[in-house]
Amino acid sequence: MPVPFDLIATDLDGTLLRRDHTVSARSRAALRDAEQAGMRHVVVTGRPANWAKGVLDSLGYTGLAVCGQGGQVYDAAADRLLTSVPLDRRDASAALARVEAEVGPLALAVVQDGLEGEVLFGPGFATPGAGADATSRVRDAQALWSRPIGRVMVQHGVLGDDELAAAVREFADGLVDAVVAGPTCVEVLPPGLSKAVGLELAAERLDADPARAIAFGDMPNDIPMFAWAGHGVAMANAHPDLAAVADEMTLDHMSDGVAVVLERLVAAA
């Protein structure tokens, strides 16, 4: 009996990765067995490609990876970007000024465009642990806009993630979009960009049918990916908005939830 899916799309943080940003031996084995059974694995992550490379290298990953919230399609084997969608700096700056006028000061960080781009943290931005070696902090917020960027990360002293993302969407006048990508991680994107956009580009290169794709995720930025794929699996640690649209729930990322589902599919084939 053939496997029901040809394509496995997995988010990284909060999904395939454990809290220490590694992939367990069980998950590695499950992915290997699934690929041997005929399923291809595509990483789909909010991380920019240069921030994801360490994880991909540790997996021995040589396929296409959708990075930067769908803005980048990265060829891991060739170590090059096949696509890269920049965020208009003038639009982003103007939009965030309008948001600040409504909700008060924002702390900002930017992900510079391109494979060698840095992640720059502005004043007051609480830095995450992952990828810290590829980042730097700037004292002058204007320095954030000095080079082309892929997206902006925003934080607020009072508003929660969902409230902040909603405020950006409400007050940005359509200049940008916003999505909750993780705890204290609201990201400002070009309008219309999503993980599904990048995944569609990768799938076209692989001649893969969305109806025969299974997607794994944990945050609202995975909702478009679930809508694109034939089957969406949310982790037990998933945001309620993603859980609400999932076809299936699995164990959390610390309990090898991705592996549990893949092992079941391979065993039934």
C-alpha atoms as a PDB file:
ATOM      1  CA  MET A   1       0.000   0.000   0.000  1.00  0.00           C
ATOM      2  CA  PRO A   2       1.564   3.337  -1.026  1.00  0.00           C
ATOM      3  CA  VAL A   3       2.019   6.172   1.444  1.00  0.00           C
ATOM      4  CA  PRO A   4      -0.838   8.725   1.310  1.00  0.00           C
ATOM      5  CA  PHE A   5       1.470  11.747   0.995  1.00  0.00           C
ATOM      6  CA  ASP A   6       4.319  12.646  -1.331  1.00  0.00           C
ATOM      7  CA  LEU A   7       5.481  15.762   0.494  1.00  0.00           C
ATOM      8  CA  ILE A   8       6.195  16.451   4.172  1.00  0.00           C
ATOM      9  CA  ALA A   9       6.353  20.148   5.095  1.00  0.00           C
ATOM     10  CA  THR A  10       7.692  20.819   8.576  1.00  0.00           C
ATOM     11  CA  ASP A  11       8.146  24.008  10.507  1.00  0.00           C
ATOM     12  CA  LEU A  12      11.299  24.088  12.668  1.00  0.00           C
ATOM     13  CA  ASP A  13      10.955  25.970  15.960  1.00  0.00           C
ATOM     14  CA  GLY A  14       8.258  24.537  18.191  1.00  0.00           C
ATOM     15  CA  THR A  15       7.625  21.721  15.710  1.00  0.00           C
ATOM     16  CA  LEU A  16      10.568  19.656  14.513  1.00  0.00           C
ATOM     17  CA  LEU A  17      13.106  21.252  16.850  1.00  0.00           C
ATOM     18  CA  ARG A  18      13.337  20.673  20.564  1.00  0.00           C
ATOM     19  CA  ARG A  19      13.871  23.556  22.980  1.00  0.00           C
ATOM     20  CA  ASP A  20      17.635  23.285  22.544  1.00  0.00           C
ATOM     21  CA  HIS A  21      17.165  23.773  18.769  1.00  0.00           C
ATOM     22  CA  THR A  22      18.183  20.198  17.906  1.00  0.00           C
ATOM     23  CA  VAL A  23      16.310  17.378  16.179  1.00  0.00           C
ATOM     24  CA  SER A  24      15.947  14.160  18.155  1.00  0.00           C
ATOM     25  CA  ALA A  25      17.333  10.837  16.953  1.00  0.00           C
ATOM     26  CA  ARG A  26      13.768   9.514  16.737  1.00  0.00           C
ATOM     27  CA  SER A  27      12.639  12.370  14.494  1.00  0.00           C
ATOM     28  CA  ARG A  28      15.693  11.962  12.274  1.00  0.00           C
ATOM     29  CA  ALA A  29      14.949   8.262  11.884  1.00  0.00           C
ATOM     30  CA  ALA A  30      11.274   8.919  11.163  1.00  0.00           C
ATOM     31  CA  LEU A  31      12.129  11.445   8.457  1.00  0.00           C
ATOM     32  CA  ARG A  32      14.666   9.056   6.937  1.00  0.00           C
ATOM     33  CA  ASP A  33      12.153   6.197   6.891  1.00  0.00           C
ATOM     34  CA  ALA A  34       9.462   8.433   5.405  1.00  0.00           C
ATOM     35  CA  GLU A  35      11.795   9.554   2.623  1.00  0.00           C
ATOM     36  CA  GLN A  36      12.730   5.938   1.891  1.00  0.00           C
ATOM     37  CA  ALA A  37       8.997   5.207   1.637  1.00  0.00           C
ATOM     38  CA  GLY A  38       8.665   7.864  -1.071  1.00  0.00           C
ATOM     39  CA  MET A  39       7.877  11.064   0.812  1.00  0.00           C
ATOM     40  CA  ARG A  40      10.029  14.165   0.270  1.00  0.00           C
ATOM     41  CA  HIS A  41      10.793  16.499   3.160  1.00  0.00           C
ATOM     42  CA  VAL A  42      10.649  20.280   2.759  1.00  0.00           C
ATOM     43  CA  VAL A  43      11.548  22.501   5.704  1.00  0.00           C
ATOM     44  CA  VAL A  44       9.244  25.535   5.922  1.00  0.00           C
ATOM     45  CA  THR A  45      10.464  27.986   8.544  1.00  0.00           C
ATOM     46  CA  GLY A  46      10.163  31.587   9.588  1.00  0.00           C
ATOM     47  CA  ARG A  47      13.918  31.705  10.060  1.00  0.00           C
ATOM     48  CA  PRO A  48      15.906  33.396   7.295  1.00  0.00           C
ATOM     49  CA  ALA A  49      18.043  30.952   5.347  1.00  0.00           C
ATOM     50  CA  ASN A  50      21.303  31.959   7.017  1.00  0.00           C
ATOM     51  CA  TRP A  51      19.630  31.459  10.414  1.00  0.00           C
ATOM     52  CA  ALA A  52      18.350  28.019   9.380  1.00  0.00           C
ATOM     53  CA  LYS A  53      21.564  26.744   7.765  1.00  0.00           C
ATOM     54  CA  GLY A  54      23.030  25.355  10.989  1.00  0.00           C
ATOM     55  CA  VAL A  55      19.979  23.187  11.623  1.00  0.00           C
ATOM     56  CA  LEU A  56      19.813  22.064   7.996  1.00  0.00           C
ATOM     57  CA  ASP A  57      23.494  21.150   8.020  1.00  0.00           C
ATOM     58  CA  SER A  58      23.071  19.149  11.218  1.00  0.00           C
ATOM     59  CA  LEU A  59      20.309  17.148   9.519  1.00  0.00           C
ATOM     60  CA  GLY A  60      22.377  16.546   6.405  1.00  0.00           C
ATOM     61  CA  TYR A  61      19.560  18.328   4.588  1.00  0.00           C
ATOM     62  CA  THR A  62      20.176  18.774   0.848  1.00  0.00           C
ATOM     63  CA  GLY A  63      16.718  19.660  -0.459  1.00  0.00           C
ATOM     64  CA  LEU A  64      14.766  22.880  -0.883  1.00  0.00           C
ATOM     65  CA  ALA A  65      13.923  24.857   2.237  1.00  0.00           C
ATOM     66  CA  VAL A  66      11.294  27.574   2.436  1.00  0.00           C
ATOM     67  CA  CYS A  67      12.703  30.247   4.745  1.00  0.00           C
ATOM     68  CA  GLY A  68      11.933  33.780   5.880  1.00  0.00           C
ATOM     69  CA  GLN A  69       8.162  33.236   6.278  1.00  0.00           C
ATOM     70  CA  GLY A  70       7.945  32.157   2.642  1.00  0.00           C
ATOM     71  CA  GLY A  71      10.106  34.956   1.280  1.00  0.00           C
ATOM     72  CA  GLN A  72      13.055  32.702   0.459  1.00  0.00           C
ATOM     73  CA  VAL A  73      13.385  29.379  -1.322  1.00  0.00           C
ATOM     74  CA  TYR A  74      16.819  28.060  -0.401  1.00  0.00           C
ATOM     75  CA  ASP A  75      18.676  25.272  -2.216  1.00  0.00           C
ATOM     76  CA  ALA A  76      20.588  23.647   0.647  1.00  0.00           C
ATOM     77  CA  ALA A  77      22.720  21.448  -1.607  1.00  0.00           C
ATOM     78  CA  ALA A  78      23.952  24.417  -3.654  1.00  0.00           C
ATOM     79  CA  ASP A  79      23.900  26.846  -0.687  1.00  0.00           C
ATOM     80  CA  ARG A  80      22.088  29.502  -2.675  1.00  0.00           C
ATOM     81  CA  LEU A  81      18.799  31.359  -2.710  1.00  0.00           C
ATOM     82  CA  LEU A  82      16.472  30.546  -5.588  1.00  0.00           C
ATOM     83  CA  THR A  83      14.014  33.294  -4.625  1.00  0.00           C
ATOM     84  CA  SER A  84      14.119  36.209  -2.203  1.00  0.00           C
ATOM     85  CA  VAL A  85      11.259  38.658  -1.597  1.00  0.00           C
ATOM     86  CA  PRO A  86      12.317  41.956   0.016  1.00  0.00           C
ATOM     87  CA  LEU A  87      10.167  44.171   2.228  1.00  0.00           C
ATOM     88  CA  ASP A  88       9.937  47.777   1.025  1.00  0.00           C
ATOM     89  CA  ARG A  89      11.788  49.774   3.676  1.00  0.00           C
ATOM     90  CA  ARG A  90       9.861  52.978   3.102  1.00  0.00           C
ATOM     91  CA  ASP A  91       6.515  51.227   3.364  1.00  0.00           C
ATOM     92  CA  ALA A  92       7.583  49.334   6.478  1.00  0.00           C
ATOM     93  CA  SER A  93       8.928  52.449   8.186  1.00  0.00           C
ATOM     94  CA  ALA A  94       5.818  54.468   7.353  1.00  0.00           C
ATOM     95  CA  ALA A  95       3.494  51.666   8.451  1.00  0.00           C
ATOM     96  CA  LEU A  96       5.227  51.163  11.796  1.00  0.00           C
ATOM     97  CA  ALA A  97       5.216  54.915  12.449  1.00  0.00           C
ATOM     98  CA  ARG A  98       1.423  54.824  12.037  1.00  0.00           C
ATOM     99  CA  VAL A  99       1.174  51.850  14.400  1.00  0.00           C
ATOM    100  CA  GLU A 100       3.343  53.613  17.002  1.00  0.00           C
ATOM    101  CA  ALA A 101       1.094  56.671  16.812  1.00  0.00           C
ATOM    102  CA  GLU A 102      -1.803  54.457  17.877  1.00  0.00           C
ATOM    103  CA  VAL A 103      -0.273  52.029  20.390  1.00  0.00           C
ATOM    104  CA  GLY A 104       2.932  53.660  21.607  1.00  0.00           C
ATOM    105  CA  PRO A 105       6.627  52.825  21.139  1.00  0.00           C
ATOM    106  CA  LEU A 106       7.696  49.633  19.404  1.00  0.00           C
ATOM    107  CA  ALA A 107      10.991  47.776  19.713  1.00  0.00           C
ATOM    108  CA  LEU A 108      12.218  46.681  16.296  1.00  0.00           C
ATOM    109  CA  ALA A 109      14.603  44.222  14.705  1.00  0.00           C
ATOM    110  CA  VAL A 110      15.178  43.650  11.008  1.00  0.00           C
ATOM    111  CA  VAL A 111      16.191  40.649   8.957  1.00  0.00           C
ATOM    112  CA  GLN A 112      18.363  41.928   6.133  1.00  0.00           C
ATOM    113  CA  ASP A 113      17.699  40.554   2.682  1.00  0.00           C
ATOM    114  CA  GLY A 114      19.959  37.970   1.091  1.00  0.00           C
ATOM    115  CA  LEU A 115      21.893  34.930   2.197  1.00  0.00           C
ATOM    116  CA  GLU A 116      24.571  36.994   3.932  1.00  0.00           C
ATOM    117  CA  GLY A 117      22.167  39.456   5.548  1.00  0.00           C
ATOM    118  CA  GLU A 118      22.355  40.034   9.282  1.00  0.00           C
ATOM    119  CA  VAL A 119      19.610  40.116  11.877  1.00  0.00           C
ATOM    120  CA  LEU A 120      19.914  43.551  13.480  1.00  0.00           C
ATOM    121  CA  PHE A 121      18.303  44.296  16.845  1.00  0.00           C
ATOM    122  CA  GLY A 122      17.294  47.843  17.645  1.00  0.00           C
ATOM    123  CA  PRO A 123      17.153  49.527  21.062  1.00  0.00           C
ATOM    124  CA  GLY A 124      15.002  47.708  23.592  1.00  0.00           C
ATOM    125  CA  PHE A 125      14.402  44.587  21.514  1.00  0.00           C
ATOM    126  CA  ALA A 126      14.622  41.405  23.613  1.00  0.00           C
ATOM    127  CA  THR A 127      16.786  39.041  21.583  1.00  0.00           C
ATOM    128  CA  PRO A 128      15.915  35.357  21.198  1.00  0.00           C
ATOM    129  CA  GLY A 129      18.534  32.694  21.774  1.00  0.00           C
ATOM    130  CA  ALA A 130      18.417  30.946  18.393  1.00  0.00           C
ATOM    131  CA  GLY A 131      20.796  32.268  15.788  1.00  0.00           C
ATOM    132  CA  ALA A 132      22.396  34.778  18.145  1.00  0.00           C
ATOM    133  CA  ASP A 133      25.766  34.300  16.473  1.00  0.00           C
ATOM    134  CA  ALA A 134      24.354  35.806  13.265  1.00  0.00           C
ATOM    135  CA  THR A 135      22.981  38.936  14.896  1.00  0.00           C
ATOM    136  CA  SER A 136      24.119  42.313  16.115  1.00  0.00           C
ATOM    137  CA  ARG A 137      22.591  45.164  18.072  1.00  0.00           C
ATOM    138  CA  VAL A 138      22.450  48.757  16.892  1.00  0.00           C
ATOM    139  CA  ARG A 139      22.134  51.846  19.086  1.00  0.00           C
ATOM    140  CA  ASP A 140      20.566  54.071  16.436  1.00  0.00           C
ATOM    141  CA  ALA A 141      17.221  52.753  15.238  1.00  0.00           C
ATOM    142  CA  GLN A 142      17.743  54.442  11.862  1.00  0.00           C
ATOM    143  CA  ALA A 143      20.604  52.005  11.202  1.00  0.00           C
ATOM    144  CA  LEU A 144      18.018  49.246  10.910  1.00  0.00           C
ATOM    145  CA  TRP A 145      16.950  50.674   7.557  1.00  0.00           C
ATOM    146  CA  SER A 146      20.435  51.035   6.051  1.00  0.00           C
ATOM    147  CA  ARG A 147      20.249  47.962   3.785  1.00  0.00           C
ATOM    148  CA  PRO A 148      17.494  46.015   1.969  1.00  0.00           C
ATOM    149  CA  ILE A 149      15.439  43.893   4.366  1.00  0.00           C
ATOM    150  CA  GLY A 150      13.250  40.817   4.210  1.00  0.00           C
ATOM    151  CA  ARG A 151      11.058  41.527   7.215  1.00  0.00           C
ATOM    152  CA  VAL A 152      10.791  43.361  10.535  1.00  0.00           C
ATOM    153  CA  MET A 153      10.226  41.860  13.976  1.00  0.00           C
ATOM    154  CA  VAL A 154       8.287  44.008  16.458  1.00  0.00           C
ATOM    155  CA  GLN A 155       7.731  43.948  20.217  1.00  0.00           C
ATOM    156  CA  HIS A 156       5.593  46.097  22.519  1.00  0.00           C
ATOM    157  CA  GLY A 157       5.927  46.739  26.223  1.00  0.00           C
ATOM    158  CA  VAL A 158       2.258  46.033  27.009  1.00  0.00           C
ATOM    159  CA  LEU A 159       0.447  44.385  24.105  1.00  0.00           C
ATOM    160  CA  GLY A 160       0.570  40.615  23.772  1.00  0.00           C
ATOM    161  CA  ASP A 161       1.585  38.926  20.522  1.00  0.00           C
ATOM    162  CA  ASP A 162      -1.928  38.491  19.130  1.00  0.00           C
ATOM    163  CA  GLU A 163      -2.923  42.053  20.066  1.00  0.00           C
ATOM    164  CA  LEU A 164       0.235  43.502  18.534  1.00  0.00           C
ATOM    165  CA  ALA A 165      -0.150  41.609  15.265  1.00  0.00           C
ATOM    166  CA  ALA A 166      -3.771  42.744  15.062  1.00  0.00           C
ATOM    167  CA  ALA A 167      -2.727  46.361  15.715  1.00  0.00           C
ATOM    168  CA  VAL A 168      -0.154  46.264  12.923  1.00  0.00           C
ATOM    169  CA  ARG A 169      -2.697  44.880  10.493  1.00  0.00           C
ATOM    170  CA  GLU A 170      -5.299  47.441  11.578  1.00  0.00           C
ATOM    171  CA  PHE A 171      -3.196  50.598  11.491  1.00  0.00           C
ATOM    172  CA  ALA A 172      -0.673  49.865   8.715  1.00  0.00           C
ATOM    173  CA  ASP A 173      -3.157  50.835   5.983  1.00  0.00           C
ATOM    174  CA  GLY A 174      -2.305  47.760   3.932  1.00  0.00           C
ATOM    175  CA  LEU A 175       1.340  48.734   3.486  1.00  0.00           C
ATOM    176  CA  VAL A 176       2.492  45.586   5.304  1.00  0.00           C
ATOM    177  CA  ASP A 177       1.094  42.416   6.827  1.00  0.00           C
ATOM    178  CA  ALA A 178       1.855  40.919  10.254  1.00  0.00           C
ATOM    179  CA  VAL A 179       1.892  37.419  11.713  1.00  0.00           C
ATOM    180  CA  VAL A 180       2.613  35.773  15.054  1.00  0.00           C
ATOM    181  CA  ALA A 181       5.604  33.516  14.398  1.00  0.00           C
ATOM    182  CA  GLY A 182       6.478  32.510  17.972  1.00  0.00           C
ATOM    183  CA  PRO A 183       6.477  33.764  21.571  1.00  0.00           C
ATOM    184  CA  THR A 184       7.274  37.512  21.554  1.00  0.00           C
ATOM    185  CA  CYS A 185       7.857  37.216  17.812  1.00  0.00           C
ATOM    186  CA  VAL A 186       5.481  39.288  15.712  1.00  0.00           C
ATOM    187  CA  GLU A 187       6.817  39.681  12.192  1.00  0.00           C
ATOM    188  CA  VAL A 188       6.005  42.375   9.652  1.00  0.00           C
ATOM    189  CA  LEU A 189       5.963  41.065   6.070  1.00  0.00           C
ATOM    190  CA  PRO A 190       5.282  42.263   2.540  1.00  0.00           C
ATOM    191  CA  PRO A 191       1.526  42.170   1.886  1.00  0.00           C
ATOM    192  CA  GLY A 192       0.385  38.740   0.754  1.00  0.00           C
ATOM    193  CA  LEU A 193       3.563  36.914   1.722  1.00  0.00           C
ATOM    194  CA  SER A 194       3.157  33.674   3.674  1.00  0.00           C
ATOM    195  CA  LYS A 195       4.734  30.277   4.111  1.00  0.00           C
ATOM    196  CA  ALA A 196       2.219  28.968   1.577  1.00  0.00           C
ATOM    197  CA  VAL A 197       3.603  31.300  -1.092  1.00  0.00           C
ATOM    198  CA  GLY A 198       7.126  29.954  -0.701  1.00  0.00           C
ATOM    199  CA  LEU A 199       5.918  26.381  -0.343  1.00  0.00           C
ATOM    200  CA  GLU A 200       3.970  26.647  -3.580  1.00  0.00           C
ATOM    201  CA  LEU A 201       7.141  27.776  -5.380  1.00  0.00           C
ATOM    202  CA  ALA A 202       9.129  24.897  -3.902  1.00  0.00           C
ATOM    203  CA  ALA A 203       6.379  22.406  -4.737  1.00  0.00           C
ATOM    204  CA  GLU A 204       6.306  23.571  -8.360  1.00  0.00           C
ATOM    205  CA  ARG A 205      10.028  22.865  -8.640  1.00  0.00           C
ATOM    206  CA  LEU A 206       9.445  19.414  -7.141  1.00  0.00           C
ATOM    207  CA  ASP A 207       6.316  18.763  -9.226  1.00  0.00           C
ATOM    208  CA  ALA A 208       4.434  18.074  -5.979  1.00  0.00           C
ATOM    209  CA  ASP A 209       0.645  18.101  -5.584  1.00  0.00           C
ATOM    210  CA  PRO A 210      -0.646  20.132  -2.588  1.00  0.00           C
ATOM    211  CA  ALA A 211      -3.419  17.566  -2.087  1.00  0.00           C
ATOM    212  CA  ARG A 212      -0.756  14.960  -1.350  1.00  0.00           C
ATOM    213  CA  ALA A 213       1.171  17.117   1.120  1.00  0.00           C
ATOM    214  CA  ILE A 214       1.147  16.843   4.910  1.00  0.00           C
ATOM    215  CA  ALA A 215       2.202  19.892   6.920  1.00  0.00           C
ATOM    216  CA  PHE A 216       3.323  20.196  10.550  1.00  0.00           C
ATOM    217  CA  GLY A 217       3.339  23.446  12.549  1.00  0.00           C
ATOM    218  CA  ASP A 218       2.672  25.219  15.812  1.00  0.00           C
ATOM    219  CA  MET A 219       2.001  28.931  15.267  1.00  0.00           C
ATOM    220  CA  PRO A 220      -0.441  31.197  13.366  1.00  0.00           C
ATOM    221  CA  ASN A 221       2.152  31.770  10.637  1.00  0.00           C
ATOM    222  CA  ASP A 222       1.559  28.099   9.727  1.00  0.00           C
ATOM    223  CA  ILE A 223      -2.148  28.644   8.991  1.00  0.00           C
ATOM    224  CA  PRO A 224      -1.615  29.429   5.264  1.00  0.00           C
ATOM    225  CA  MET A 225       0.588  26.349   4.977  1.00  0.00           C
ATOM    226  CA  PHE A 226      -2.211  24.210   6.458  1.00  0.00           C
ATOM    227  CA  ALA A 227      -4.675  25.723   3.971  1.00  0.00           C
ATOM    228  CA  TRP A 228      -2.302  24.875   1.110  1.00  0.00           C
ATOM    229  CA  ALA A 229      -1.567  21.284   2.145  1.00  0.00           C
ATOM    230  CA  GLY A 230      -3.955  18.363   1.947  1.00  0.00           C
ATOM    231  CA  HIS A 231      -3.497  17.576   5.644  1.00  0.00           C
ATOM    232  CA  GLY A 232      -2.401  19.828   8.496  1.00  0.00           C
ATOM    233  CA  VAL A 233      -1.017  18.488  11.781  1.00  0.00           C
ATOM    234  CA  ALA A 234      -0.716  20.830  14.764  1.00  0.00           C
ATOM    235  CA  MET A 235       1.585  20.126  17.671  1.00  0.00           C
ATOM    236  CA  ALA A 236       0.135  19.779  21.164  1.00  0.00           C
ATOM    237  CA  ASN A 237       1.968  23.018  22.014  1.00  0.00           C
ATOM    238  CA  ALA A 238       0.312  24.832  19.087  1.00  0.00           C
ATOM    239  CA  HIS A 239      -1.288  28.260  19.253  1.00  0.00           C
ATOM    240  CA  PRO A 240      -5.100  27.935  19.552  1.00  0.00           C
ATOM    241  CA  ASP A 241      -5.639  29.631  16.184  1.00  0.00           C
ATOM    242  CA  LEU A 242      -3.614  26.948  14.414  1.00  0.00           C
ATOM    243  CA  ALA A 243      -5.137  24.107  16.411  1.00  0.00           C
ATOM    244  CA  ALA A 244      -8.568  25.336  15.329  1.00  0.00           C
ATOM    245  CA  VAL A 245      -7.813  24.733  11.631  1.00  0.00           C
ATOM    246  CA  ALA A 246      -5.745  21.548  11.976  1.00  0.00           C
ATOM    247  CA  ASP A 247      -6.924  18.235  10.561  1.00  0.00           C
ATOM    248  CA  GLU A 248      -5.074  16.414  13.314  1.00  0.00           C
ATOM    249  CA  MET A 249      -3.251  17.045  16.601  1.00  0.00           C
ATOM    250  CA  THR A 250      -0.087  15.249  17.630  1.00  0.00           C
ATOM    251  CA  LEU A 251       2.244  15.282  20.620  1.00  0.00           C
ATOM    252  CA  ASP A 252       4.313  18.364  21.393  1.00  0.00           C
ATOM    253  CA  HIS A 253       7.740  19.120  19.946  1.00  0.00           C
ATOM    254  CA  MET A 254       9.492  17.777  23.030  1.00  0.00           C
ATOM    255  CA  SER A 255       7.689  14.433  22.622  1.00  0.00           C
ATOM    256  CA  ASP A 256       8.546  13.826  18.951  1.00  0.00           C
ATOM    257  CA  GLY A 257       5.087  14.692  17.686  1.00  0.00           C
ATOM    258  CA  VAL A 258       6.241  14.808  14.053  1.00  0.00           C
ATOM    259  CA  ALA A 259       7.870  11.397  14.351  1.00  0.00           C
ATOM    260  CA  VAL A 260       4.734   9.867  15.895  1.00  0.00           C
ATOM    261  CA  VAL A 261       2.670  10.739  12.813  1.00  0.00           C
ATOM    262  CA  LEU A 262       5.319   9.777  10.271  1.00  0.00           C
ATOM    263  CA  GLU A 263       5.954   6.428  11.951  1.00  0.00           C
ATOM    264  CA  ARG A 264       2.218   5.673  11.768  1.00  0.00           C
ATOM    265  CA  LEU A 265       2.072   6.562   8.060  1.00  0.00           C
ATOM    266  CA  VAL A 266       5.096   4.443   7.168  1.00  0.00           C
ATOM    267  CA  ALA A 267       3.866   1.494   9.218  1.00  0.00           C
ATOM    268  CA  ALA A 268       0.493   1.575   7.451  1.00  0.00           C
ATOM    269  CA  ALA A 269       2.026   1.685   3.974  1.00  0.00           C
END
